Protein backbone atom coordinates (compact mmCIF):
# COMPACT_ATOMS: atom_id res chain seq x y z
CA UNK A 1 0.05 0.36 0.07
CA UNK A 2 1.39 3.22 -1.19
CA UNK A 3 0.31 7.15 0.16
CA UNK A 4 -0.54 8.77 -3.24
CA UNK A 5 -0.54 12.77 -3.23
CA UNK A 6 -3.45 14.00 -4.98
CA UNK A 7 -3.55 17.43 -6.61
CA UNK A 8 -5.90 18.89 -6.68
CA UNK A 9 -5.38 17.53 -3.00
CA UNK A 10 -9.50 18.19 -2.26
CA UNK A 11 -10.28 15.91 -5.08
CA UNK A 12 -13.39 13.16 -4.03
CA UNK A 13 -12.74 11.42 -6.83
CA UNK A 14 -9.39 10.83 -7.26
CA UNK A 15 -9.55 9.69 -3.39
CA UNK A 16 -12.10 7.27 -3.97
CA UNK A 17 -9.89 5.83 -7.22
CA UNK A 18 -7.08 5.70 -4.49
CA UNK A 19 -8.69 3.94 -2.06
CA UNK A 20 -11.13 1.62 -4.18
CA UNK A 21 -6.78 0.31 -5.59
CA UNK A 22 -5.95 -0.58 -1.98
CA UNK A 23 -3.84 2.70 -1.34
CA UNK A 24 -4.00 5.65 0.49
CA UNK A 25 -4.81 8.77 -0.69
CA UNK A 26 -3.09 11.79 0.90
CA UNK A 27 -6.03 14.20 0.76
CA UNK A 28 -6.13 17.97 2.25
CA UNK A 29 -10.27 16.50 3.72
CA UNK A 30 -8.63 14.75 6.22
CA UNK A 31 -5.84 17.37 7.09
CA UNK A 32 -8.43 20.01 7.70
CA UNK A 33 -10.79 17.62 9.81
CA UNK A 34 -7.51 16.92 12.32
CA UNK A 35 -7.67 20.81 12.45
CA UNK A 36 -11.55 21.35 13.42
CA UNK A 37 -11.46 18.50 16.02
CA UNK A 38 -8.01 19.28 17.58
CA UNK A 39 -9.25 21.14 21.11
CA UNK A 40 -6.49 23.24 21.00
CA UNK A 41 -8.55 25.76 18.40
CA UNK A 42 -11.10 27.24 19.69
CA UNK A 43 -13.62 29.00 17.22
CA UNK A 44 -13.33 26.59 13.39
CA UNK A 45 -13.18 28.38 10.99
CA UNK A 46 -10.71 30.18 12.09
CA UNK A 47 -8.36 26.74 12.71
CA UNK A 48 -5.16 27.93 13.00
CA UNK A 49 -2.42 27.71 15.59
CA UNK A 50 0.79 29.89 16.44
CA UNK A 51 2.38 26.86 14.69
CA UNK A 52 1.08 26.68 11.62
CA UNK A 53 2.83 29.91 9.65
CA UNK A 54 6.41 28.62 10.98
CA UNK A 55 5.25 25.02 9.93
CA UNK A 56 4.45 27.10 6.38
CA UNK A 57 7.69 28.48 6.12
CA UNK A 58 9.33 25.20 5.67
CA UNK A 59 7.65 25.25 2.51
CA UNK A 60 7.47 29.09 1.60
CA UNK A 61 10.08 31.84 2.11
CA UNK A 62 9.31 34.75 4.36
CA UNK A 63 8.52 37.12 1.67
CA UNK A 64 5.66 34.70 0.14
CA UNK A 65 2.58 35.86 1.00
CA UNK A 66 0.88 34.54 4.34
CA UNK A 67 -1.83 32.72 2.67
CA UNK A 68 0.57 30.74 1.07
CA UNK A 69 2.41 29.60 3.67
CA UNK A 70 -0.76 28.78 6.12
CA UNK A 71 -1.46 26.67 2.78
CA UNK A 72 1.37 24.92 2.55
CA UNK A 73 1.51 24.38 6.63
CA UNK A 74 -1.15 22.00 5.80
CA UNK A 75 -0.59 20.91 2.39
CA UNK A 76 3.16 20.13 2.65
CA UNK A 77 3.41 17.47 5.42
CA UNK A 78 1.22 15.68 2.36
CA UNK A 79 3.76 16.23 0.29
CA UNK A 80 6.80 15.03 2.22
CA UNK A 81 4.68 11.70 3.08
CA UNK A 82 3.97 10.87 -0.27
CA UNK A 83 5.36 7.99 -2.07
CA UNK A 84 3.74 8.92 -5.05
CA UNK A 85 1.34 11.64 -6.63
CA UNK A 86 -1.21 11.72 -9.52
CA UNK A 87 -1.55 15.46 -10.70
CA UNK A 88 -4.80 16.41 -12.60
CA UNK A 89 -3.89 19.80 -14.63
CA UNK A 90 -6.46 22.23 -16.01
CA UNK A 91 -8.97 20.90 -13.53
CA UNK A 92 -12.64 23.02 -13.14
CA UNK A 93 -13.04 24.33 -9.30
CA UNK A 94 -15.77 21.65 -9.05
CA UNK A 95 -13.32 19.19 -9.43
CA UNK A 96 -11.04 20.59 -6.31
CA UNK A 97 -9.69 23.42 -5.86
CA UNK A 98 -7.14 24.86 -3.70
CA UNK A 99 -8.35 28.84 -4.29
CA UNK A 100 -4.90 29.85 -4.41
CA UNK A 101 -2.58 29.77 -7.80
CA UNK A 102 0.59 30.16 -6.20
CA UNK A 103 0.19 27.57 -3.95
CA UNK A 104 -1.18 25.62 -6.61
CA UNK A 105 2.34 26.38 -8.65
CA UNK A 106 4.12 25.60 -5.34
CA UNK A 107 2.60 22.62 -4.73
CA UNK A 108 3.03 21.46 -8.32
CA UNK A 109 6.80 22.27 -7.94
CA UNK A 110 7.45 20.15 -4.87
CA UNK A 111 5.44 16.81 -5.98
CA UNK A 112 7.38 17.26 -9.70
CA UNK A 113 10.78 17.64 -7.87
CA UNK A 114 10.10 14.89 -5.34
CA UNK A 115 12.13 11.28 -6.00
CA UNK A 116 8.58 9.76 -6.72
CA UNK A 117 6.11 7.91 -9.21
CA UNK A 118 3.97 11.18 -10.35
CA UNK A 119 1.68 10.27 -13.29
CA UNK A 120 0.49 14.06 -14.58
CA UNK A 121 -2.84 13.86 -16.85
CA UNK A 122 -4.60 16.79 -18.20
CA UNK A 123 -8.75 17.02 -17.40
CA UNK A 124 -10.74 15.38 -19.83
CA UNK A 125 -12.93 17.40 -21.74
CA UNK A 126 -14.98 14.83 -23.36
CA UNK A 127 -16.53 11.04 -22.59
CA UNK A 128 -13.55 9.48 -24.25
CA UNK A 129 -10.81 11.37 -22.66
CA UNK A 130 -12.24 10.93 -19.07
CA UNK A 131 -12.44 6.93 -19.71
CA UNK A 132 -8.49 7.32 -21.02
CA UNK A 133 -7.67 9.07 -17.38
CA UNK A 134 -9.44 7.19 -15.39
CA UNK A 135 -7.57 4.43 -17.15
CA UNK A 136 -4.37 6.02 -17.05
CA UNK A 137 -5.10 6.58 -12.78
CA UNK A 138 -5.58 2.51 -12.80
CA UNK A 139 -3.10 1.74 -14.25
CA UNK A 140 -0.50 3.93 -12.43
CA UNK A 141 -2.35 2.82 -9.04
CA UNK A 142 -1.61 -0.76 -10.56
CA UNK A 143 1.83 -0.48 -11.12
CA UNK A 144 2.45 0.91 -7.18
CA UNK A 145 4.08 -2.23 -4.89
CA UNK A 146 0.69 -3.11 -2.78
CA UNK A 147 -2.22 -2.05 -5.25
CA UNK A 148 -4.93 -4.20 -6.76
CA UNK A 149 -7.94 -3.12 -4.39
CA UNK A 150 -11.44 -4.06 -5.62
CA UNK A 151 -11.20 -3.34 -8.92
CA UNK A 152 -7.93 -5.53 -9.65
CA UNK A 153 -8.62 -7.01 -13.31
CA UNK A 154 -10.97 -4.51 -14.33
CA UNK A 155 -10.08 -2.32 -17.37
CA UNK A 156 -13.04 -0.31 -17.71
CA UNK A 157 -14.36 1.65 -14.07
CA UNK A 158 -16.60 3.52 -15.82
CA UNK A 159 -19.09 1.30 -15.90
CA UNK A 160 -22.41 0.26 -18.11
CA UNK A 161 -22.29 0.18 -21.79
CA UNK A 162 -18.59 1.81 -21.90
CA UNK A 163 -17.15 -1.30 -23.79
CA UNK A 164 -18.25 -0.36 -27.06
CA UNK A 165 -17.07 3.34 -26.55
CA UNK A 166 -13.82 2.31 -25.85
CA UNK A 167 -13.56 0.08 -29.30
CA UNK A 168 -14.32 -3.13 -28.01
CA UNK A 169 -10.85 -3.38 -25.90
C-alpha cells in the first residue's frame, strides 16, 4: 500500500479511485478534519494555531504571502508523506480547488521535485478523454507496490455500456 498525494488535494474523485485500488490518498479533507477536531482550536473556521505559519516557512520563504504559507502548512506535510503522486492539470473548481494559484504552483513544483512516481494527466473535455484519464490513473495505481484493491482486473471502471465506447478493448 502506497501513500498517494493528489492534486488538486481535495479531489474526492481521485481519493476514491486511490482507495478502491488499495492505496492511501493523501487528501486535504483529512488534514482539515484534524484541525477542526483539535481541542486546541477554539473557534473553527479560524482554525489556525501559532505554529501553523511557522510550519509553512519550511515550504515557502518569509516574503511569500501569509496565505500561501498557511496553506502550505497543511499541504506540505501531505507532500512530505507522499510515496507517489497524481496531478490533474486544468481541472475546474468543482473537481477540487485550493483557491490560490501560488499555492498550486508551489505544491505541484514540490511534488515534481520529489523523487517519487508521478502521473500527470490533463483534465478531460469529453467522455472518451475521461475514460482514458481514469484508465491511466488505474494503470498507474496498479503499477505501485501493494495495489490492486477491489477493482483489480477491471479495465473499465466507468461501468455500464462503455465497453463499446472503448472500441471493444
